[in-house]
N, C-alpha and C. Protein backbone atom coordinates (compact mmCIF):
# COMPACT_ATOMS: atom_id res chain seq x y z
N MET A 1 0.84 -1.19 0.00
CA MET A 1 0.00 0.00 0.00
C MET A 1 0.88 1.24 0.00
N LYS A 2 0.56 2.17 -0.88
CA LYS A 2 1.33 3.40 -1.00
C LYS A 2 1.00 4.35 0.13
N ALA A 3 1.99 5.08 0.61
CA ALA A 3 1.77 6.08 1.65
C ALA A 3 0.95 7.23 1.08
N GLN A 4 0.05 7.76 1.89
CA GLN A 4 -0.79 8.89 1.50
C GLN A 4 0.08 10.14 1.40
N THR A 5 -0.06 10.88 0.32
CA THR A 5 0.69 12.12 0.12
C THR A 5 -0.06 13.25 0.79
N PHE A 6 0.66 14.01 1.63
CA PHE A 6 0.04 15.17 2.28
C PHE A 6 -0.20 16.25 1.25
N LEU A 7 -1.41 16.79 1.25
CA LEU A 7 -1.77 17.82 0.30
C LEU A 7 -2.52 18.93 1.04
N PRO A 8 -1.90 20.12 1.17
CA PRO A 8 -2.61 21.22 1.84
C PRO A 8 -3.93 21.52 1.14
N GLN A 9 -4.90 22.01 1.89
CA GLN A 9 -6.23 22.31 1.37
C GLN A 9 -6.18 23.28 0.17
N ASP A 10 -5.29 24.25 0.23
CA ASP A 10 -5.23 25.28 -0.81
C ASP A 10 -4.16 25.00 -1.87
N TYR A 11 -3.67 23.78 -1.95
CA TYR A 11 -2.61 23.44 -2.89
C TYR A 11 -3.07 23.58 -4.34
N ARG A 12 -2.25 24.17 -5.16
CA ARG A 12 -2.44 24.25 -6.60
C ARG A 12 -1.09 23.91 -7.25
N PRO A 13 -1.07 23.03 -8.25
CA PRO A 13 0.19 22.72 -8.92
C PRO A 13 0.83 23.98 -9.51
N ALA A 14 2.14 24.06 -9.39
CA ALA A 14 2.86 25.23 -9.88
C ALA A 14 3.91 24.80 -10.89
N GLU A 15 4.18 25.69 -11.83
CA GLU A 15 5.17 25.43 -12.88
C GLU A 15 6.59 25.33 -12.32
N ASP A 16 6.84 25.92 -11.14
CA ASP A 16 8.20 25.95 -10.61
C ASP A 16 8.57 24.72 -9.78
N GLU A 17 7.69 23.73 -9.72
CA GLU A 17 8.02 22.49 -9.01
C GLU A 17 8.20 21.37 -10.05
N PRO A 18 8.85 20.29 -9.67
CA PRO A 18 9.07 19.19 -10.63
C PRO A 18 7.73 18.69 -11.19
N PHE A 19 7.70 18.47 -12.51
CA PHE A 19 6.46 18.05 -13.17
C PHE A 19 6.03 16.67 -12.71
N MET A 20 4.76 16.54 -12.40
CA MET A 20 4.10 15.32 -11.95
C MET A 20 4.81 14.68 -10.75
N ASN A 21 5.15 15.54 -9.79
CA ASN A 21 5.68 15.02 -8.53
C ASN A 21 4.52 14.41 -7.74
N ASP A 22 4.81 13.84 -6.58
CA ASP A 22 3.78 13.16 -5.79
C ASP A 22 2.59 14.06 -5.47
N ARG A 23 2.88 15.31 -5.12
CA ARG A 23 1.80 16.24 -4.76
C ARG A 23 0.91 16.55 -5.95
N GLN A 24 1.49 16.75 -7.11
CA GLN A 24 0.69 17.02 -8.30
C GLN A 24 -0.17 15.81 -8.67
N ARG A 25 0.44 14.64 -8.63
CA ARG A 25 -0.34 13.42 -8.94
C ARG A 25 -1.50 13.26 -7.95
N GLU A 26 -1.23 13.50 -6.68
CA GLU A 26 -2.29 13.39 -5.67
C GLU A 26 -3.38 14.44 -5.90
N TYR A 27 -2.99 15.65 -6.26
CA TYR A 27 -3.94 16.72 -6.54
C TYR A 27 -4.88 16.30 -7.68
N PHE A 28 -4.30 15.81 -8.77
CA PHE A 28 -5.13 15.42 -9.92
C PHE A 28 -5.94 14.16 -9.62
N ARG A 29 -5.37 13.23 -8.85
CA ARG A 29 -6.12 12.03 -8.48
C ARG A 29 -7.38 12.42 -7.70
N ARG A 30 -7.22 13.31 -6.71
CA ARG A 30 -8.37 13.75 -5.92
C ARG A 30 -9.39 14.52 -6.77
N LYS A 31 -8.88 15.35 -7.67
CA LYS A 31 -9.76 16.13 -8.54
C LYS A 31 -10.58 15.19 -9.43
N LEU A 32 -9.93 14.19 -10.00
CA LEU A 32 -10.61 13.23 -10.85
C LEU A 32 -11.63 12.40 -10.07
N GLU A 33 -11.24 11.95 -8.88
CA GLU A 33 -12.17 11.15 -8.08
C GLU A 33 -13.39 11.95 -7.65
N ALA A 34 -13.19 13.23 -7.30
CA ALA A 34 -14.32 14.08 -6.91
C ALA A 34 -15.26 14.29 -8.11
N TRP A 35 -14.67 14.51 -9.28
CA TRP A 35 -15.47 14.70 -10.50
C TRP A 35 -16.26 13.44 -10.82
N LYS A 36 -15.61 12.30 -10.69
CA LYS A 36 -16.28 11.02 -10.96
C LYS A 36 -17.44 10.82 -9.99
N GLN A 37 -17.21 11.10 -8.72
CA GLN A 37 -18.28 10.93 -7.73
C GLN A 37 -19.45 11.86 -8.02
N GLU A 38 -19.16 13.09 -8.42
CA GLU A 38 -20.21 14.04 -8.78
C GLU A 38 -21.04 13.51 -9.95
N LEU A 39 -20.37 12.96 -10.96
CA LEU A 39 -21.08 12.40 -12.12
C LEU A 39 -21.93 11.19 -11.72
N LEU A 40 -21.39 10.34 -10.85
CA LEU A 40 -22.15 9.16 -10.41
C LEU A 40 -23.38 9.58 -9.59
N ASP A 41 -23.22 10.62 -8.77
CA ASP A 41 -24.36 11.12 -7.99
C ASP A 41 -25.44 11.69 -8.91
N GLN A 42 -25.02 12.46 -9.92
CA GLN A 42 -25.97 13.01 -10.88
C GLN A 42 -26.67 11.89 -11.64
N SER A 43 -25.92 10.86 -11.95
CA SER A 43 -26.47 9.73 -12.67
C SER A 43 -27.56 9.03 -11.84
N ALA A 44 -27.29 8.86 -10.57
CA ALA A 44 -28.29 8.24 -9.69
C ALA A 44 -29.55 9.10 -9.61
N GLU A 45 -29.37 10.42 -9.55
CA GLU A 45 -30.52 11.32 -9.53
C GLU A 45 -31.31 11.21 -10.82
N THR A 46 -30.61 11.11 -11.95
CA THR A 46 -31.27 10.98 -13.25
C THR A 46 -32.11 9.70 -13.28
N LEU A 47 -31.53 8.60 -12.82
CA LEU A 47 -32.27 7.33 -12.82
C LEU A 47 -33.51 7.42 -11.94
N GLU A 48 -33.38 8.04 -10.77
CA GLU A 48 -34.53 8.22 -9.89
C GLU A 48 -35.60 9.05 -10.58
N GLY A 49 -35.16 10.12 -11.23
CA GLY A 49 -36.10 11.00 -11.93
C GLY A 49 -36.82 10.30 -13.05
N LEU A 50 -36.09 9.46 -13.79
CA LEU A 50 -36.72 8.72 -14.88
C LEU A 50 -37.73 7.71 -14.35
N GLN A 51 -37.42 7.08 -13.23
CA GLN A 51 -38.36 6.13 -12.65
C GLN A 51 -39.61 6.84 -12.14
N ASP A 52 -39.42 8.01 -11.54
CA ASP A 52 -40.56 8.78 -11.03
C ASP A 52 -41.45 9.28 -12.16
N SER A 53 -40.85 9.60 -13.31
CA SER A 53 -41.63 10.16 -14.41
C SER A 53 -42.19 9.09 -15.35
N ALA A 54 -42.07 7.84 -14.96
CA ALA A 54 -42.54 6.75 -15.82
C ALA A 54 -44.05 6.55 -15.72
N ARG A 55 -44.75 7.59 -15.40
CA ARG A 55 -46.21 7.49 -15.27
C ARG A 55 -46.87 7.74 -16.62
N SER A 56 -48.10 7.38 -16.73
CA SER A 56 -48.84 7.55 -17.98
C SER A 56 -49.43 8.97 -18.01
N VAL A 57 -49.13 9.70 -19.07
CA VAL A 57 -49.64 11.05 -19.23
C VAL A 57 -50.66 11.02 -20.37
N PRO A 58 -51.94 11.34 -20.07
CA PRO A 58 -52.98 11.21 -21.08
C PRO A 58 -52.88 12.24 -22.23
N ASP A 59 -52.44 13.45 -21.95
CA ASP A 59 -52.39 14.49 -22.97
C ASP A 59 -51.22 14.23 -23.93
N LEU A 60 -51.50 14.23 -25.23
CA LEU A 60 -50.48 13.94 -26.24
C LEU A 60 -49.32 14.93 -26.21
N ALA A 61 -49.61 16.20 -26.06
CA ALA A 61 -48.55 17.22 -26.03
C ALA A 61 -47.67 17.04 -24.80
N ASP A 62 -48.30 16.77 -23.65
CA ASP A 62 -47.53 16.55 -22.43
C ASP A 62 -46.68 15.29 -22.54
N ARG A 63 -47.24 14.25 -23.13
CA ARG A 63 -46.50 13.00 -23.30
C ARG A 63 -45.30 13.21 -24.22
N ALA A 64 -45.50 13.94 -25.31
CA ALA A 64 -44.40 14.21 -26.24
C ALA A 64 -43.31 15.02 -25.56
N SER A 65 -43.71 15.99 -24.78
CA SER A 65 -42.75 16.82 -24.05
C SER A 65 -41.96 15.97 -23.05
N GLU A 66 -42.67 15.08 -22.37
CA GLU A 66 -42.00 14.21 -21.40
C GLU A 66 -41.04 13.25 -22.08
N GLU A 67 -41.41 12.72 -23.24
CA GLU A 67 -40.53 11.83 -23.99
C GLU A 67 -39.28 12.55 -24.47
N THR A 68 -39.44 13.81 -24.89
CA THR A 68 -38.30 14.62 -25.32
C THR A 68 -37.35 14.84 -24.14
N ASP A 69 -37.92 15.18 -22.98
CA ASP A 69 -37.11 15.37 -21.77
C ASP A 69 -36.37 14.09 -21.41
N ARG A 70 -37.06 12.96 -21.51
CA ARG A 70 -36.46 11.67 -21.17
C ARG A 70 -35.31 11.34 -22.13
N ALA A 71 -35.51 11.61 -23.41
CA ALA A 71 -34.45 11.34 -24.40
C ALA A 71 -33.23 12.21 -24.13
N LEU A 72 -33.47 13.47 -23.77
CA LEU A 72 -32.37 14.37 -23.44
C LEU A 72 -31.62 13.88 -22.20
N GLU A 73 -32.35 13.44 -21.19
CA GLU A 73 -31.73 12.90 -19.98
C GLU A 73 -30.89 11.68 -20.30
N LEU A 74 -31.41 10.81 -21.14
CA LEU A 74 -30.67 9.60 -21.49
C LEU A 74 -29.41 9.92 -22.29
N ARG A 75 -29.47 10.91 -23.17
CA ARG A 75 -28.28 11.34 -23.92
C ARG A 75 -27.24 11.91 -22.97
N THR A 76 -27.71 12.72 -22.03
CA THR A 76 -26.80 13.29 -21.03
C THR A 76 -26.17 12.18 -20.20
N ARG A 77 -26.96 11.23 -19.81
CA ARG A 77 -26.49 10.09 -19.03
C ARG A 77 -25.42 9.31 -19.79
N ASP A 78 -25.63 9.14 -21.11
CA ASP A 78 -24.66 8.41 -21.93
C ASP A 78 -23.34 9.18 -22.00
N ARG A 79 -23.42 10.51 -22.15
CA ARG A 79 -22.20 11.33 -22.16
C ARG A 79 -21.46 11.21 -20.84
N GLN A 80 -22.22 11.21 -19.74
CA GLN A 80 -21.60 11.09 -18.42
C GLN A 80 -20.93 9.72 -18.27
N ARG A 81 -21.55 8.69 -18.79
CA ARG A 81 -20.96 7.34 -18.72
C ARG A 81 -19.62 7.31 -19.45
N LYS A 82 -19.58 7.94 -20.63
CA LYS A 82 -18.32 8.00 -21.39
C LYS A 82 -17.28 8.83 -20.65
N LEU A 83 -17.72 9.89 -19.99
CA LEU A 83 -16.81 10.74 -19.24
C LEU A 83 -16.24 9.98 -18.04
N VAL A 84 -17.06 9.19 -17.35
CA VAL A 84 -16.58 8.38 -16.23
C VAL A 84 -15.52 7.40 -16.73
N SER A 85 -15.72 6.86 -17.92
CA SER A 85 -14.74 5.94 -18.50
C SER A 85 -13.41 6.66 -18.74
N LYS A 86 -13.47 7.90 -19.23
CA LYS A 86 -12.24 8.68 -19.46
C LYS A 86 -11.57 9.04 -18.14
N ILE A 87 -12.36 9.31 -17.12
CA ILE A 87 -11.81 9.61 -15.79
C ILE A 87 -11.09 8.38 -15.25
N ASP A 88 -11.71 7.21 -15.40
CA ASP A 88 -11.07 5.96 -14.95
C ASP A 88 -9.74 5.74 -15.68
N ALA A 89 -9.72 6.04 -16.98
CA ALA A 89 -8.48 5.89 -17.75
C ALA A 89 -7.41 6.85 -17.24
N ALA A 90 -7.81 8.08 -16.91
CA ALA A 90 -6.85 9.05 -16.37
C ALA A 90 -6.33 8.59 -15.01
N LEU A 91 -7.19 8.02 -14.18
CA LEU A 91 -6.75 7.51 -12.87
C LEU A 91 -5.75 6.37 -13.06
N ARG A 92 -5.98 5.52 -14.06
CA ARG A 92 -5.03 4.44 -14.34
C ARG A 92 -3.69 5.01 -14.79
N ARG A 93 -3.73 6.08 -15.61
CA ARG A 93 -2.48 6.71 -16.06
C ARG A 93 -1.72 7.31 -14.88
N ILE A 94 -2.44 7.82 -13.89
CA ILE A 94 -1.76 8.34 -12.69
C ILE A 94 -1.02 7.20 -12.00
N GLU A 95 -1.68 6.06 -11.88
CA GLU A 95 -1.06 4.90 -11.21
C GLU A 95 0.17 4.38 -11.96
N THR A 96 0.12 4.45 -13.30
CA THR A 96 1.24 3.92 -14.08
C THR A 96 2.33 4.97 -14.35
N GLY A 97 2.07 6.22 -13.95
CA GLY A 97 3.07 7.27 -14.15
C GLY A 97 3.01 7.91 -15.52
N GLU A 98 2.00 7.60 -16.31
CA GLU A 98 1.87 8.16 -17.66
C GLU A 98 1.04 9.44 -17.68
N TYR A 99 0.38 9.75 -16.57
CA TYR A 99 -0.52 10.90 -16.52
C TYR A 99 0.25 12.20 -16.70
N GLY A 100 -0.32 13.11 -17.48
CA GLY A 100 0.28 14.43 -17.66
C GLY A 100 1.19 14.52 -18.86
N TYR A 101 1.40 13.41 -19.54
CA TYR A 101 2.27 13.41 -20.72
C TYR A 101 1.44 13.13 -21.97
N CYS A 102 1.73 13.85 -23.03
CA CYS A 102 0.99 13.73 -24.29
C CYS A 102 1.17 12.34 -24.88
N GLU A 103 0.06 11.73 -25.27
CA GLU A 103 0.13 10.39 -25.86
C GLU A 103 0.68 10.42 -27.28
N MET A 104 0.73 11.60 -27.91
CA MET A 104 1.25 11.70 -29.27
C MET A 104 2.75 12.05 -29.28
N THR A 105 3.13 13.01 -28.43
CA THR A 105 4.51 13.53 -28.48
C THR A 105 5.35 13.11 -27.28
N GLY A 106 4.71 12.71 -26.19
CA GLY A 106 5.43 12.36 -24.98
C GLY A 106 5.83 13.57 -24.15
N GLU A 107 5.50 14.78 -24.63
CA GLU A 107 5.83 16.00 -23.90
C GLU A 107 4.85 16.21 -22.75
N PRO A 108 5.29 16.95 -21.72
CA PRO A 108 4.37 17.26 -20.62
C PRO A 108 3.21 18.14 -21.10
N ILE A 109 2.01 17.82 -20.64
CA ILE A 109 0.83 18.64 -20.91
C ILE A 109 0.85 19.77 -19.88
N SER A 110 0.54 20.98 -20.28
CA SER A 110 0.62 22.11 -19.35
C SER A 110 -0.30 21.89 -18.15
N LEU A 111 0.16 22.36 -16.98
CA LEU A 111 -0.63 22.22 -15.76
C LEU A 111 -1.95 22.97 -15.87
N ARG A 112 -1.93 24.11 -16.55
CA ARG A 112 -3.18 24.88 -16.73
C ARG A 112 -4.19 24.06 -17.52
N ARG A 113 -3.73 23.38 -18.56
CA ARG A 113 -4.63 22.54 -19.37
C ARG A 113 -5.16 21.38 -18.54
N LEU A 114 -4.28 20.73 -17.79
CA LEU A 114 -4.72 19.60 -16.96
C LEU A 114 -5.68 20.04 -15.87
N ASP A 115 -5.46 21.24 -15.32
CA ASP A 115 -6.35 21.74 -14.28
C ASP A 115 -7.74 22.02 -14.86
N ALA A 116 -7.77 22.54 -16.10
CA ALA A 116 -9.04 22.84 -16.75
C ALA A 116 -9.71 21.57 -17.28
N ARG A 117 -8.92 20.64 -17.77
CA ARG A 117 -9.44 19.40 -18.38
C ARG A 117 -8.57 18.24 -17.90
N PRO A 118 -8.82 17.73 -16.69
CA PRO A 118 -7.94 16.71 -16.12
C PRO A 118 -7.89 15.39 -16.88
N ILE A 119 -8.78 15.19 -17.85
CA ILE A 119 -8.74 13.95 -18.63
C ILE A 119 -7.98 14.12 -19.93
N ALA A 120 -7.36 15.29 -20.12
CA ALA A 120 -6.61 15.57 -21.36
C ALA A 120 -5.51 14.54 -21.55
N THR A 121 -5.36 14.10 -22.80
CA THR A 121 -4.32 13.11 -23.12
C THR A 121 -3.29 13.67 -24.09
N MET A 122 -3.52 14.91 -24.56
CA MET A 122 -2.59 15.51 -25.52
C MET A 122 -2.32 16.97 -25.14
N THR A 123 -1.15 17.44 -25.54
CA THR A 123 -0.87 18.86 -25.37
C THR A 123 -1.85 19.63 -26.26
N LEU A 124 -1.98 20.90 -26.00
CA LEU A 124 -2.90 21.72 -26.78
C LEU A 124 -2.52 21.69 -28.26
N GLU A 125 -1.24 21.79 -28.55
CA GLU A 125 -0.78 21.79 -29.93
C GLU A 125 -1.09 20.46 -30.62
N ALA A 126 -0.83 19.36 -29.94
CA ALA A 126 -1.11 18.04 -30.52
C ALA A 126 -2.61 17.85 -30.72
N GLN A 127 -3.42 18.34 -29.78
CA GLN A 127 -4.88 18.24 -29.90
C GLN A 127 -5.37 19.03 -31.12
N GLU A 128 -4.83 20.23 -31.30
CA GLU A 128 -5.22 21.05 -32.45
C GLU A 128 -4.83 20.37 -33.76
N ARG A 129 -3.61 19.81 -33.83
CA ARG A 129 -3.20 19.08 -35.04
C ARG A 129 -4.13 17.90 -35.30
N HIS A 130 -4.47 17.18 -34.24
CA HIS A 130 -5.36 16.02 -34.35
C HIS A 130 -6.73 16.44 -34.89
N GLU A 131 -7.27 17.54 -34.35
CA GLU A 131 -8.59 18.00 -34.79
C GLU A 131 -8.57 18.50 -36.23
N ARG A 132 -7.48 19.19 -36.62
CA ARG A 132 -7.35 19.64 -38.00
C ARG A 132 -7.32 18.44 -38.95
N ARG A 133 -6.53 17.44 -38.59
CA ARG A 133 -6.43 16.23 -39.41
C ARG A 133 -7.79 15.53 -39.49
N GLU A 134 -8.50 15.51 -38.38
CA GLU A 134 -9.83 14.88 -38.36
C GLU A 134 -10.79 15.61 -39.29
N ARG A 135 -10.76 16.94 -39.28
CA ARG A 135 -11.64 17.73 -40.14
C ARG A 135 -11.32 17.49 -41.62
N VAL A 136 -10.05 17.41 -41.94
CA VAL A 136 -9.64 17.21 -43.34
C VAL A 136 -10.04 15.83 -43.83
N HIS A 137 -9.93 14.83 -42.98
CA HIS A 137 -10.19 13.44 -43.40
C HIS A 137 -11.59 12.95 -43.07
N ARG A 138 -12.44 13.85 -42.61
CA ARG A 138 -13.80 13.46 -42.26
C ARG A 138 -14.57 13.08 -43.51
N ASP A 139 -15.32 12.01 -43.43
CA ASP A 139 -16.16 11.59 -44.57
C ASP A 139 -17.51 12.27 -44.43
N ASP A 140 -17.78 13.21 -45.31
CA ASP A 140 -19.08 13.93 -45.27
C ASP A 140 -20.07 13.35 -46.22
């Protein structure tokens, strides 16, 4: 079992410390786990809401509106499920020591980018190149 890394309440990763040191990894691990828990809690609320709204609505307009709301909830739920999967992958990368490094170039991903999008797998430049290539090769 790994020793718990002490992390002050107000800790924020800084550029002037060694990249992906124990404190930074712990900071991002906690951030990812909190985000995952928030998504799972929202998901449970969504499921409860869908079960509660599974009643029969006689008015056609009301029924259509409820079906639209339900479809939107289910789409949101699916996005959250995919996001939880990406969070789990980021947590695995933290454990293996690969977290914070671009999967395309191997360069460190900026701390600001990771703080804003902790599931990022590419540097901003690599992500932009990837998206440009995707747009050019997209089958329309």
